[in-house]
Amino acid sequence: MPTQLVESNPSIMMGKPVIAGTRITVELILEKLAAGESPEQIIAAHSRLTREAVSAALDFAAKALRADVIYPTPDQAA
């Protein structure tokens, strides 16, 4: 896999962040982890993924959420 593991290209998955060289989105990886799948299960289901790529997706998401944006929870929505 390339050095830059997460990339965004408007011509791939409508510009959503993906694992470089694949069409596997960071969003998909996060959804699978949130649903209780282990990184090993995700890697087994997507042969082009590596443990390093799953970690890169998590790192990307953590950095993206560091922006000063407030995300209201459902009970706080007006």
C-alpha atoms as a PDB file:
ATOM      1  CA  MET A   1       0.000   0.000   0.000  1.00  0.00           C
ATOM      2  CA  PRO A   2       1.145   3.554  -0.627  1.00  0.00           C
ATOM      3  CA  THR A   3       2.706   5.642   2.154  1.00  0.00           C
ATOM      4  CA  GLN A   4      -0.411   7.845   2.311  1.00  0.00           C
ATOM      5  CA  LEU A   5      -2.999   5.274   3.366  1.00  0.00           C
ATOM      6  CA  VAL A   6      -6.080   7.508   3.302  1.00  0.00           C
ATOM      7  CA  GLU A   7      -6.855   9.594   0.251  1.00  0.00           C
ATOM      8  CA  SER A   8      -9.732  11.604  -1.123  1.00  0.00           C
ATOM      9  CA  ASN A   9     -10.318  11.946  -4.853  1.00  0.00           C
ATOM     10  CA  PRO A  10     -13.509  13.402  -6.363  1.00  0.00           C
ATOM     11  CA  SER A  11     -13.538  10.628  -8.978  1.00  0.00           C
ATOM     12  CA  ILE A  12     -13.471   7.842  -6.354  1.00  0.00           C
ATOM     13  CA  MET A  13     -16.525   7.273  -4.139  1.00  0.00           C
ATOM     14  CA  MET A  14     -17.656  10.878  -4.704  1.00  0.00           C
ATOM     15  CA  GLY A  15     -14.586  12.189  -2.880  1.00  0.00           C
ATOM     16  CA  LYS A  16     -15.173  10.363   0.391  1.00  0.00           C
ATOM     17  CA  PRO A  17     -11.944   9.427   2.189  1.00  0.00           C
ATOM     18  CA  VAL A  18     -10.912   5.910   1.157  1.00  0.00           C
ATOM     19  CA  ILE A  19      -8.033   3.564   1.790  1.00  0.00           C
ATOM     20  CA  ALA A  20      -5.575   4.373  -0.990  1.00  0.00           C
ATOM     21  CA  GLY A  21      -5.830   2.061  -3.976  1.00  0.00           C
ATOM     22  CA  THR A  22      -9.278   0.813  -2.955  1.00  0.00           C
ATOM     23  CA  ARG A  23     -12.887   1.950  -2.886  1.00  0.00           C
ATOM     24  CA  ILE A  24     -13.149   1.065   0.805  1.00  0.00           C
ATOM     25  CA  THR A  25     -14.265   4.175   2.666  1.00  0.00           C
ATOM     26  CA  VAL A  26     -13.150   5.294   6.101  1.00  0.00           C
ATOM     27  CA  GLU A  27     -16.862   5.573   6.834  1.00  0.00           C
ATOM     28  CA  LEU A  28     -17.409   1.861   6.082  1.00  0.00           C
ATOM     29  CA  ILE A  29     -14.564   0.841   8.371  1.00  0.00           C
ATOM     30  CA  LEU A  30     -15.930   3.002  11.186  1.00  0.00           C
ATOM     31  CA  GLU A  31     -19.460   1.642  10.721  1.00  0.00           C
ATOM     32  CA  LYS A  32     -18.211  -1.933  10.877  1.00  0.00           C
ATOM     33  CA  LEU A  33     -16.174  -1.240  14.020  1.00  0.00           C
ATOM     34  CA  ALA A  34     -19.163   0.512  15.626  1.00  0.00           C
ATOM     35  CA  ALA A  35     -21.317  -2.521  14.794  1.00  0.00           C
ATOM     36  CA  GLY A  36     -18.933  -4.704  16.788  1.00  0.00           C
ATOM     37  CA  GLU A  37     -16.764  -6.197  14.076  1.00  0.00           C
ATOM     38  CA  SER A  38     -13.111  -6.635  14.964  1.00  0.00           C
ATOM     39  CA  PRO A  39     -10.358  -5.284  12.732  1.00  0.00           C
ATOM     40  CA  GLU A  40      -9.498  -8.891  11.887  1.00  0.00           C
ATOM     41  CA  GLN A  41     -13.075  -9.558  10.699  1.00  0.00           C
ATOM     42  CA  ILE A  42     -13.032  -6.431   8.544  1.00  0.00           C
ATOM     43  CA  ILE A  43      -9.672  -7.391   7.044  1.00  0.00           C
ATOM     44  CA  ALA A  44     -10.930 -10.929   6.361  1.00  0.00           C
ATOM     45  CA  ALA A  45     -13.963  -9.507   4.523  1.00  0.00           C
ATOM     46  CA  HIS A  46     -11.887  -7.046   2.473  1.00  0.00           C
ATOM     47  CA  SER A  47      -8.729  -8.720   1.230  1.00  0.00           C
ATOM     48  CA  ARG A  48      -7.100  -5.440   0.172  1.00  0.00           C
ATOM     49  CA  LEU A  49      -7.149  -4.071   3.723  1.00  0.00           C
ATOM     50  CA  THR A  50      -4.353  -4.387   6.249  1.00  0.00           C
ATOM     51  CA  ARG A  51      -4.231  -3.768   9.980  1.00  0.00           C
ATOM     52  CA  GLU A  52      -2.218  -0.634   9.178  1.00  0.00           C
ATOM     53  CA  ALA A  53      -4.993   0.610   6.854  1.00  0.00           C
ATOM     54  CA  VAL A  54      -7.675   0.113   9.531  1.00  0.00           C
ATOM     55  CA  SER A  55      -5.495   2.033  11.997  1.00  0.00           C
ATOM     56  CA  ALA A  56      -5.004   4.791   9.417  1.00  0.00           C
ATOM     57  CA  ALA A  57      -8.779   5.063   8.992  1.00  0.00           C
ATOM     58  CA  LEU A  58      -9.214   5.480  12.753  1.00  0.00           C
ATOM     59  CA  ASP A  59      -6.421   8.039  12.904  1.00  0.00           C
ATOM     60  CA  PHE A  60      -7.959   9.984  10.013  1.00  0.00           C
ATOM     61  CA  ALA A  61     -11.371  10.021  11.700  1.00  0.00           C
ATOM     62  CA  ALA A  62      -9.905  11.160  15.031  1.00  0.00           C
ATOM     63  CA  LYS A  63      -8.050  14.023  13.348  1.00  0.00           C
ATOM     64  CA  ALA A  64     -11.155  15.024  11.372  1.00  0.00           C
ATOM     65  CA  LEU A  65     -13.164  15.267  14.596  1.00  0.00           C
ATOM     66  CA  ARG A  66     -10.617  17.582  16.218  1.00  0.00           C
ATOM     67  CA  ALA A  67     -12.102  20.492  14.264  1.00  0.00           C
ATOM     68  CA  ASP A  68     -14.029  22.987  16.368  1.00  0.00           C
ATOM     69  CA  VAL A  69     -17.433  21.717  15.309  1.00  0.00           C
ATOM     70  CA  ILE A  70     -20.290  20.963  17.677  1.00  0.00           C
ATOM     71  CA  TYR A  71     -22.222  17.787  16.914  1.00  0.00           C
ATOM     72  CA  PRO A  72     -25.520  17.904  18.855  1.00  0.00           C
ATOM     73  CA  THR A  73     -26.754  14.606  20.206  1.00  0.00           C
ATOM     74  CA  PRO A  74     -30.374  13.641  19.500  1.00  0.00           C
ATOM     75  CA  ASP A  75     -31.580  14.700  22.956  1.00  0.00           C
ATOM     76  CA  GLN A  76     -29.976  18.145  22.487  1.00  0.00           C
ATOM     77  CA  ALA A  77     -31.351  18.800  18.992  1.00  0.00           C
ATOM     78  CA  ALA A  78     -33.755  21.722  18.831  1.00  0.00           C
END
